[in-house]
Amino acid sequence: GGATQQLDQQGGGIGSKLMTAVLDRDGDGDVDSADLAAM
């Protein structure tokens, strides 16, 4: 958790956005344009 937080701090929060997209933010089972908008 500390490592991911460090990556978020140094990367402007992009790490958590990427992880959210991988877990399928909109719940449709695919990483689509809506998910990738966070990135």
PDB file of all heavy atoms in Angstrom:
ATOM      1  N   GLY A   1       0.813  -1.202   0.000  1.00  0.00           N
ATOM      2  CA  GLY A   1       0.000   0.000   0.000  1.00  0.00           C
ATOM      3  C   GLY A   1       0.849   1.256   0.000  1.00  0.00           C
ATOM      4  O   GLY A   1       0.545   2.234  -0.697  1.00  0.00           O
ATOM      5  N   GLY A   2       1.945   1.241   0.770  1.00  0.00           N
ATOM      6  CA  GLY A   2       2.861   2.377   0.767  1.00  0.00           C
ATOM      7  C   GLY A   2       3.511   2.586  -0.587  1.00  0.00           C
ATOM      8  O   GLY A   2       3.704   3.722  -1.033  1.00  0.00           O
ATOM      9  N   ALA A   3       3.843   1.480  -1.267  1.00  0.00           N
ATOM     10  CA  ALA A   3       4.454   1.578  -2.594  1.00  0.00           C
ATOM     11  C   ALA A   3       3.480   2.172  -3.603  1.00  0.00           C
ATOM     12  O   ALA A   3       3.848   3.041  -4.404  1.00  0.00           O
ATOM     13  CB  ALA A   3       4.926   0.203  -3.052  1.00  0.00           C
ATOM     14  N   THR A   4       2.236   1.696  -3.584  1.00  0.00           N
ATOM     15  CA  THR A   4       1.262   2.234  -4.531  1.00  0.00           C
ATOM     16  C   THR A   4       0.959   3.701  -4.232  1.00  0.00           C
ATOM     17  O   THR A   4       0.757   4.496  -5.152  1.00  0.00           O
ATOM     18  CB  THR A   4      -0.041   1.411  -4.517  1.00  0.00           C
ATOM     19  OG1 THR A   4      -0.551   1.337  -3.177  1.00  0.00           O
ATOM     20  CG2 THR A   4       0.201   0.002  -5.019  1.00  0.00           C
ATOM     21  N   GLN A   5       0.957   4.058  -2.960  1.00  0.00           N
ATOM     22  CA  GLN A   5       0.736   5.463  -2.600  1.00  0.00           C
ATOM     23  C   GLN A   5       1.887   6.331  -3.102  1.00  0.00           C
ATOM     24  O   GLN A   5       1.674   7.441  -3.599  1.00  0.00           O
ATOM     25  CB  GLN A   5       0.581   5.602  -1.088  1.00  0.00           C
ATOM     26  CG  GLN A   5       0.251   7.023  -0.640  1.00  0.00           C
ATOM     27  CD  GLN A   5       0.046   7.102   0.864  1.00  0.00           C
ATOM     28  OE1 GLN A   5       0.588   6.300   1.625  1.00  0.00           O
ATOM     29  NE2 GLN A   5      -0.731   8.071   1.302  1.00  0.00           N
ATOM     30  N   GLN A   6       3.124   5.836  -2.989  1.00  0.00           N
ATOM     31  CA  GLN A   6       4.270   6.584  -3.480  1.00  0.00           C
ATOM     32  C   GLN A   6       4.178   6.784  -4.994  1.00  0.00           C
ATOM     33  O   GLN A   6       4.447   7.874  -5.507  1.00  0.00           O
ATOM     34  CB  GLN A   6       5.576   5.859  -3.138  1.00  0.00           C
ATOM     35  CG  GLN A   6       6.836   6.604  -3.591  1.00  0.00           C
ATOM     36  CD  GLN A   6       8.104   5.865  -3.227  1.00  0.00           C
ATOM     37  OE1 GLN A   6       8.101   4.944  -2.413  1.00  0.00           O
ATOM     38  NE2 GLN A   6       9.211   6.266  -3.830  1.00  0.00           N
ATOM     39  N   LEU A   7       3.791   5.726  -5.714  1.00  0.00           N
ATOM     40  CA  LEU A   7       3.625   5.858  -7.159  1.00  0.00           C
ATOM     41  C   LEU A   7       2.546   6.875  -7.495  1.00  0.00           C
ATOM     42  O   LEU A   7       2.688   7.662  -8.436  1.00  0.00           O
ATOM     43  CB  LEU A   7       3.273   4.497  -7.771  1.00  0.00           C
ATOM     44  CG  LEU A   7       4.391   3.465  -7.838  1.00  0.00           C
ATOM     45  CD1 LEU A   7       3.840   2.116  -8.284  1.00  0.00           C
ATOM     46  CD2 LEU A   7       5.503   3.912  -8.774  1.00  0.00           C
ATOM     47  N   ASP A   8       1.460   6.870  -6.729  1.00  0.00           N
ATOM     48  CA  ASP A   8       0.387   7.835  -6.961  1.00  0.00           C
ATOM     49  C   ASP A   8       0.878   9.267  -6.744  1.00  0.00           C
ATOM     50  O   ASP A   8       0.593  10.168  -7.531  1.00  0.00           O
ATOM     51  CB  ASP A   8      -0.775   7.551  -6.013  1.00  0.00           C
ATOM     52  CG  ASP A   8      -1.919   6.837  -6.714  1.00  0.00           C
ATOM     53  OD1 ASP A   8      -1.732   6.407  -7.870  1.00  0.00           O
ATOM     54  OD2 ASP A   8      -2.984   6.705  -6.105  1.00  0.00           O
ATOM     55  N   GLN A   9       1.626   9.471  -5.672  1.00  0.00           N
ATOM     56  CA  GLN A   9       2.117  10.811  -5.358  1.00  0.00           C
ATOM     57  C   GLN A   9       3.062  11.317  -6.428  1.00  0.00           C
ATOM     58  O   GLN A   9       3.023  12.483  -6.830  1.00  0.00           O
ATOM     59  CB  GLN A   9       2.797  10.812  -3.987  1.00  0.00           C
ATOM     60  CG  GLN A   9       1.841  10.629  -2.823  1.00  0.00           C
ATOM     61  CD  GLN A   9       2.553  10.433  -1.496  1.00  0.00           C
ATOM     62  OE1 GLN A   9       3.763  10.180  -1.447  1.00  0.00           O
ATOM     63  NE2 GLN A   9       1.815  10.555  -0.405  1.00  0.00           N
ATOM     64  N   GLN A  10       3.935  10.431  -6.923  1.00  0.00           N
ATOM     65  CA  GLN A  10       4.930  10.848  -7.905  1.00  0.00           C
ATOM     66  C   GLN A  10       4.381  10.836  -9.327  1.00  0.00           C
ATOM     67  O   GLN A  10       4.966  11.445 -10.212  1.00  0.00           O
ATOM     68  CB  GLN A  10       6.170   9.951  -7.808  1.00  0.00           C
ATOM     69  CG  GLN A  10       6.905  10.119  -6.477  1.00  0.00           C
ATOM     70  CD  GLN A  10       8.136   9.242  -6.370  1.00  0.00           C
ATOM     71  OE1 GLN A  10       8.053   8.105  -5.933  1.00  0.00           O
ATOM     72  NE2 GLN A  10       9.264   9.767  -6.763  1.00  0.00           N
ATOM     73  N   GLY A  11       3.250  10.168  -9.522  1.00  0.00           N
ATOM     74  CA  GLY A  11       2.666  10.093 -10.856  1.00  0.00           C
ATOM     75  C   GLY A  11       1.371  10.856 -10.997  1.00  0.00           C
ATOM     76  O   GLY A  11       0.632  10.649 -11.954  1.00  0.00           O
ATOM     77  N   GLY A  12       1.059  11.714 -10.047  1.00  0.00           N
ATOM     78  CA  GLY A  12      -0.143  12.526 -10.155  1.00  0.00           C
ATOM     79  C   GLY A  12      -1.432  11.755  -9.995  1.00  0.00           C
ATOM     80  O   GLY A  12      -2.479  12.155 -10.504  1.00  0.00           O
ATOM     81  N   GLY A  13      -1.385  10.612  -9.292  1.00  0.00           N
ATOM     82  CA  GLY A  13      -2.586   9.828  -9.052  1.00  0.00           C
ATOM     83  C   GLY A  13      -2.938   8.867 -10.169  1.00  0.00           C
ATOM     84  O   GLY A  13      -3.967   8.188 -10.100  1.00  0.00           O
ATOM     85  N   ILE A  14      -2.071   8.768 -11.188  1.00  0.00           N
ATOM     86  CA  ILE A  14      -2.417   7.940 -12.337  1.00  0.00           C
ATOM     87  C   ILE A  14      -2.466   6.456 -11.977  1.00  0.00           C
ATOM     88  O   ILE A  14      -3.222   5.693 -12.570  1.00  0.00           O
ATOM     89  CB  ILE A  14      -1.427   8.194 -13.501  1.00  0.00           C
ATOM     90  CG1 ILE A  14      -1.937   7.544 -14.797  1.00  0.00           C
ATOM     91  CG2 ILE A  14      -0.033   7.689 -13.146  1.00  0.00           C
ATOM     92  CD1 ILE A  14      -3.220   8.113 -15.296  1.00  0.00           C
ATOM     93  N   GLY A  15      -1.671   6.027 -11.000  1.00  0.00           N
ATOM     94  CA  GLY A  15      -1.651   4.610 -10.643  1.00  0.00           C
ATOM     95  C   GLY A  15      -2.999   4.106 -10.196  1.00  0.00           C
ATOM     96  O   GLY A  15      -3.465   3.052 -10.649  1.00  0.00           O
ATOM     97  N   SER A  16      -3.665   4.845  -9.317  1.00  0.00           N
ATOM     98  CA  SER A  16      -4.967   4.403  -8.844  1.00  0.00           C
ATOM     99  C   SER A  16      -6.005   4.455  -9.957  1.00  0.00           C
ATOM    100  O   SER A  16      -6.914   3.621 -10.011  1.00  0.00           O
ATOM    101  CB  SER A  16      -5.423   5.269  -7.660  1.00  0.00           C
ATOM    102  OG  SER A  16      -5.517   6.623  -8.031  1.00  0.00           O
ATOM    103  N   LYS A  17      -5.885   5.413 -10.877  1.00  0.00           N
ATOM    104  CA  LYS A  17      -6.810   5.474 -12.003  1.00  0.00           C
ATOM    105  C   LYS A  17      -6.637   4.260 -12.917  1.00  0.00           C
ATOM    106  O   LYS A  17      -7.620   3.678 -13.394  1.00  0.00           O
ATOM    107  CB  LYS A  17      -6.588   6.763 -12.790  1.00  0.00           C
ATOM    108  CG  LYS A  17      -6.974   8.015 -12.023  1.00  0.00           C
ATOM    109  CD  LYS A  17      -6.637   9.262 -12.817  1.00  0.00           C
ATOM    110  CE  LYS A  17      -6.947  10.525 -12.008  1.00  0.00           C
ATOM    111  NZ  LYS A  17      -6.577  11.761 -12.727  1.00  0.00           N
ATOM    112  N   LEU A  18      -5.389   3.885 -13.155  1.00  0.00           N
ATOM    113  CA  LEU A  18      -5.140   2.704 -13.971  1.00  0.00           C
ATOM    114  C   LEU A  18      -5.696   1.453 -13.315  1.00  0.00           C
ATOM    115  O   LEU A  18      -6.323   0.620 -13.967  1.00  0.00           O
ATOM    116  CB  LEU A  18      -3.635   2.542 -14.213  1.00  0.00           C
ATOM    117  CG  LEU A  18      -3.014   3.469 -15.247  1.00  0.00           C
ATOM    118  CD1 LEU A  18      -1.502   3.503 -15.082  1.00  0.00           C
ATOM    119  CD2 LEU A  18      -3.395   3.049 -16.643  1.00  0.00           C
ATOM    120  N   MET A  19      -5.469   1.309 -12.009  1.00  0.00           N
ATOM    121  CA  MET A  19      -5.950   0.127 -11.313  1.00  0.00           C
ATOM    122  C   MET A  19      -7.478   0.084 -11.335  1.00  0.00           C
ATOM    123  O   MET A  19      -8.084  -0.982 -11.529  1.00  0.00           O
ATOM    124  CB  MET A  19      -5.434   0.115  -9.869  1.00  0.00           C
ATOM    125  CG  MET A  19      -5.665  -1.196  -9.151  1.00  0.00           C
ATOM    126  SD  MET A  19      -4.844  -2.565  -9.993  1.00  0.00           S
ATOM    127  CE  MET A  19      -5.725  -3.948  -9.272  1.00  0.00           C
ATOM    128  N   THR A  20      -8.123   1.237 -11.162  1.00  0.00           N
ATOM    129  CA  THR A  20      -9.577   1.287 -11.225  1.00  0.00           C
ATOM    130  C   THR A  20     -10.075   0.857 -12.596  1.00  0.00           C
ATOM    131  O   THR A  20     -11.054   0.120 -12.723  1.00  0.00           O
ATOM    132  CB  THR A  20     -10.076   2.709 -10.908  1.00  0.00           C
ATOM    133  OG1 THR A  20      -9.683   3.058  -9.584  1.00  0.00           O
ATOM    134  CG2 THR A  20     -11.591   2.799 -11.011  1.00  0.00           C
ATOM    135  N   ALA A  21      -9.382   1.300 -13.643  1.00  0.00           N
ATOM    136  CA  ALA A  21      -9.783   0.924 -14.998  1.00  0.00           C
ATOM    137  C   ALA A  21      -9.634  -0.570 -15.216  1.00  0.00           C
ATOM    138  O   ALA A  21     -10.478  -1.211 -15.843  1.00  0.00           O
ATOM    139  CB  ALA A  21      -8.953   1.690 -16.026  1.00  0.00           C
ATOM    140  N   VAL A  22      -8.552  -1.156 -14.699  1.00  0.00           N
ATOM    141  CA  VAL A  22      -8.338  -2.596 -14.855  1.00  0.00           C
ATOM    142  C   VAL A  22      -9.431  -3.373 -14.149  1.00  0.00           C
ATOM    143  O   VAL A  22      -9.887  -4.421 -14.627  1.00  0.00           O
ATOM    144  CB  VAL A  22      -6.946  -2.995 -14.318  1.00  0.00           C
ATOM    145  CG1 VAL A  22      -6.815  -4.508 -14.187  1.00  0.00           C
ATOM    146  CG2 VAL A  22      -5.862  -2.458 -15.234  1.00  0.00           C
ATOM    147  N   LEU A  23      -9.882  -2.877 -13.015  1.00  0.00           N
ATOM    148  CA  LEU A  23     -10.956  -3.546 -12.286  1.00  0.00           C
ATOM    149  C   LEU A  23     -12.333  -3.245 -12.878  1.00  0.00           C
ATOM    150  O   LEU A  23     -13.337  -3.664 -12.326  1.00  0.00           O
ATOM    151  CB  LEU A  23     -10.918  -3.121 -10.807  1.00  0.00           C
ATOM    152  CG  LEU A  23      -9.710  -3.631 -10.031  1.00  0.00           C
ATOM    153  CD1 LEU A  23      -9.714  -3.069  -8.608  1.00  0.00           C
ATOM    154  CD2 LEU A  23      -9.684  -5.146  -9.993  1.00  0.00           C
ATOM    155  N   ASP A  24     -12.335  -2.503 -14.001  1.00  0.00           N
ATOM    156  CA  ASP A  24     -13.567  -2.228 -14.734  1.00  0.00           C
ATOM    157  C   ASP A  24     -14.488  -1.301 -13.964  1.00  0.00           C
ATOM    158  O   ASP A  24     -15.448  -1.708 -13.332  1.00  0.00           O
ATOM    159  CB  ASP A  24     -14.307  -3.512 -15.112  1.00  0.00           C
ATOM    160  CG  ASP A  24     -15.482  -3.213 -16.044  1.00  0.00           C
ATOM    161  OD1 ASP A  24     -15.431  -2.203 -16.757  1.00  0.00           O
ATOM    162  OD2 ASP A  24     -16.434  -3.986 -16.021  1.00  0.00           O
ATOM    163  N   ARG A  25     -14.197  -0.064 -14.083  1.00  0.00           N
ATOM    164  CA  ARG A  25     -14.913   0.966 -13.351  1.00  0.00           C
ATOM    165  C   ARG A  25     -16.415   0.943 -13.615  1.00  0.00           C
ATOM    166  O   ARG A  25     -17.223   1.157 -12.716  1.00  0.00           O
ATOM    167  CB  ARG A  25     -14.332   2.333 -13.741  1.00  0.00           C
ATOM    168  CG  ARG A  25     -14.872   3.500 -12.943  1.00  0.00           C
ATOM    169  CD  ARG A  25     -14.116   4.756 -13.346  1.00  0.00           C
ATOM    170  NE  ARG A  25     -14.463   5.869 -12.502  1.00  0.00           N
ATOM    171  CZ  ARG A  25     -13.831   7.038 -12.534  1.00  0.00           C
ATOM    172  NH1 ARG A  25     -12.822   7.210 -13.350  1.00  0.00           N
ATOM    173  NH2 ARG A  25     -14.198   8.020 -11.748  1.00  0.00           N
ATOM    174  N   ASP A  26     -16.823   0.719 -14.913  1.00  0.00           N
ATOM    175  CA  ASP A  26     -18.254   0.787 -15.205  1.00  0.00           C
ATOM    176  C   ASP A  26     -18.939  -0.564 -15.131  1.00  0.00           C
ATOM    177  O   ASP A  26     -20.129  -0.674 -15.417  1.00  0.00           O
ATOM    178  CB  ASP A  26     -18.510   1.446 -16.575  1.00  0.00           C
ATOM    179  CG  ASP A  26     -17.878   0.669 -17.737  1.00  0.00           C
ATOM    180  OD1 ASP A  26     -17.498  -0.500 -17.532  1.00  0.00           O
ATOM    181  OD2 ASP A  26     -17.783   1.236 -18.837  1.00  0.00           O
ATOM    182  N   GLY A  27     -18.183  -1.615 -14.759  1.00  0.00           N
ATOM    183  CA  GLY A  27     -18.794  -2.902 -14.479  1.00  0.00           C
ATOM    184  C   GLY A  27     -19.263  -3.688 -15.680  1.00  0.00           C
ATOM    185  O   GLY A  27     -20.007  -4.646 -15.538  1.00  0.00           O
ATOM    186  N   ASP A  28     -18.795  -3.317 -16.897  1.00  0.00           N
ATOM    187  CA  ASP A  28     -19.308  -4.008 -18.076  1.00  0.00           C
ATOM    188  C   ASP A  28     -18.395  -5.128 -18.551  1.00  0.00           C
ATOM    189  O   ASP A  28     -18.639  -5.739 -19.581  1.00  0.00           O
ATOM    190  CB  ASP A  28     -19.558  -3.018 -19.223  1.00  0.00           C
ATOM    191  CG  ASP A  28     -18.269  -2.390 -19.753  1.00  0.00           C
ATOM    192  OD1 ASP A  28     -17.193  -2.660 -19.192  1.00  0.00           O
ATOM    193  OD2 ASP A  28     -18.348  -1.631 -20.744  1.00  0.00           O
ATOM    194  N   GLY A  29     -17.300  -5.393 -17.816  1.00  0.00           N
ATOM    195  CA  GLY A  29     -16.428  -6.504 -18.174  1.00  0.00           C
ATOM    196  C   GLY A  29     -15.391  -6.169 -19.208  1.00  0.00           C
ATOM    197  O   GLY A  29     -14.701  -7.050 -19.704  1.00  0.00           O
ATOM    198  N   ASP A  30     -15.223  -4.896 -19.568  1.00  0.00           N
ATOM    199  CA  ASP A  30     -14.262  -4.534 -20.591  1.00  0.00           C
ATOM    200  C   ASP A  30     -13.664  -3.184 -20.243  1.00  0.00           C
ATOM    201  O   ASP A  30     -14.308  -2.349 -19.617  1.00  0.00           O
ATOM    202  CB  ASP A  30     -14.967  -4.457 -21.962  1.00  0.00           C
ATOM    203  CG  ASP A  30     -13.981  -4.302 -23.104  1.00  0.00           C
ATOM    204  OD1 ASP A  30     -12.819  -4.677 -22.929  1.00  0.00           O
ATOM    205  OD2 ASP A  30     -14.394  -3.821 -24.181  1.00  0.00           O
ATOM    206  N   VAL A  31     -12.412  -2.984 -20.647  1.00  0.00           N
ATOM    207  CA  VAL A  31     -11.790  -1.680 -20.476  1.00  0.00           C
ATOM    208  C   VAL A  31     -12.099  -0.879 -21.730  1.00  0.00           C
ATOM    209  O   VAL A  31     -11.451  -1.024 -22.756  1.00  0.00           O
ATOM    210  CB  VAL A  31     -10.267  -1.808 -20.275  1.00  0.00           C
ATOM    211  CG1 VAL A  31      -9.647  -0.434 -20.087  1.00  0.00           C
ATOM    212  CG2 VAL A  31      -9.968  -2.671 -19.061  1.00  0.00           C
ATOM    213  N   ASP A  32     -13.131  -0.039 -21.669  1.00  0.00           N
ATOM    214  CA  ASP A  32     -13.543   0.705 -22.853  1.00  0.00           C
ATOM    215  C   ASP A  32     -13.201   2.176 -22.694  1.00  0.00           C
ATOM    216  O   ASP A  32     -12.488   2.573 -21.784  1.00  0.00           O
ATOM    217  CB  ASP A  32     -15.028   0.498 -23.133  1.00  0.00           C
ATOM    218  CG  ASP A  32     -15.902   0.903 -21.949  1.00  0.00           C
ATOM    219  OD1 ASP A  32     -15.410   1.665 -21.086  1.00  0.00           O
ATOM    220  OD2 ASP A  32     -17.063   0.471 -21.900  1.00  0.00           O
ATOM    221  N   SER A  33     -13.703   2.998 -23.592  1.00  0.00           N
ATOM    222  CA  SER A  33     -13.339   4.412 -23.583  1.00  0.00           C
ATOM    223  C   SER A  33     -13.768   5.103 -22.301  1.00  0.00           C
ATOM    224  O   SER A  33     -13.101   6.031 -21.827  1.00  0.00           O
ATOM    225  CB  SER A  33     -13.971   5.119 -24.795  1.00  0.00           C
ATOM    226  OG  SER A  33     -15.375   4.966 -24.784  1.00  0.00           O
ATOM    227  N   ALA A  34     -14.852   4.657 -21.701  1.00  0.00           N
ATOM    228  CA  ALA A  34     -15.289   5.270 -20.448  1.00  0.00           C
ATOM    229  C   ALA A  34     -14.306   4.982 -19.326  1.00  0.00           C
ATOM    230  O   ALA A  34     -13.996   5.849 -18.509  1.00  0.00           O
ATOM    231  CB  ALA A  34     -16.683   4.749 -20.075  1.00  0.00           C
ATOM    232  N   ASP A  35     -13.799   3.744 -19.294  1.00  0.00           N
ATOM    233  CA  ASP A  35     -12.809   3.397 -18.284  1.00  0.00           C
ATOM    234  C   ASP A  35     -11.511   4.162 -18.504  1.00  0.00           C
ATOM    235  O   ASP A  35     -10.893   4.660 -17.568  1.00  0.00           O
ATOM    236  CB  ASP A  35     -12.509   1.896 -18.336  1.00  0.00           C
ATOM    237  CG  ASP A  35     -13.720   1.037 -18.050  1.00  0.00           C
ATOM    238  OD1 ASP A  35     -14.422   1.323 -17.069  1.00  0.00           O
ATOM    239  OD2 ASP A  35     -13.964   0.077 -18.804  1.00  0.00           O
ATOM    240  N   LEU A  36     -11.074   4.228 -19.776  1.00  0.00           N
ATOM    241  CA  LEU A  36      -9.782   4.833 -20.073  1.00  0.00           C
ATOM    242  C   LEU A  36      -9.800   6.345 -19.959  1.00  0.00           C
ATOM    243  O   LEU A  36      -8.749   6.973 -19.920  1.00  0.00           O
ATOM    244  CB  LEU A  36      -9.336   4.414 -21.477  1.00  0.00           C
ATOM    245  CG  LEU A  36      -9.093   2.913 -21.643  1.00  0.00           C
ATOM    246  CD1 LEU A  36      -8.777   2.588 -23.089  1.00  0.00           C
ATOM    247  CD2 LEU A  36      -7.983   2.438 -20.737  1.00  0.00           C
ATOM    248  N   ALA A  37     -10.975   6.947 -19.855  1.00  0.00           N
ATOM    249  CA  ALA A  37     -11.043   8.393 -19.673  1.00  0.00           C
ATOM    250  C   ALA A  37     -10.342   8.817 -18.391  1.00  0.00           C
ATOM    251  O   ALA A  37      -9.767   9.902 -18.314  1.00  0.00           O
ATOM    252  CB  ALA A  37     -12.496   8.852 -19.657  1.00  0.00           C
ATOM    253  N   ALA A  38     -10.398   7.956 -17.372  1.00  0.00           N
ATOM    254  CA  ALA A  38      -9.715   8.278 -16.113  1.00  0.00           C
ATOM    255  C   ALA A  38      -8.220   8.375 -16.320  1.00  0.00           C
ATOM    256  O   ALA A  38      -7.549   9.211 -15.720  1.00  0.00           O
ATOM    257  CB  ALA A  38     -10.035   7.216 -15.061  1.00  0.00           C
ATOM    258  N   MET A  39      -7.681   7.496 -17.182  1.00  0.00           N
ATOM    259  CA  MET A  39      -6.250   7.552 -17.468  1.00  0.00           C
ATOM    260  C   MET A  39      -5.911   8.779 -18.296  1.00  0.00           C
ATOM    261  O   MET A  39      -4.952   9.493 -18.023  1.00  0.00           O
ATOM    262  CB  MET A  39      -5.812   6.284 -18.203  1.00  0.00           C
ATOM    263  CG  MET A  39      -5.814   5.051 -17.340  1.00  0.00           C
ATOM    264  SD  MET A  39      -5.120   3.628 -18.198  1.00  0.00           S
ATOM    265  CE  MET A  39      -6.576   3.024 -19.036  1.00  0.00           C
TER     266      MET A  39
END
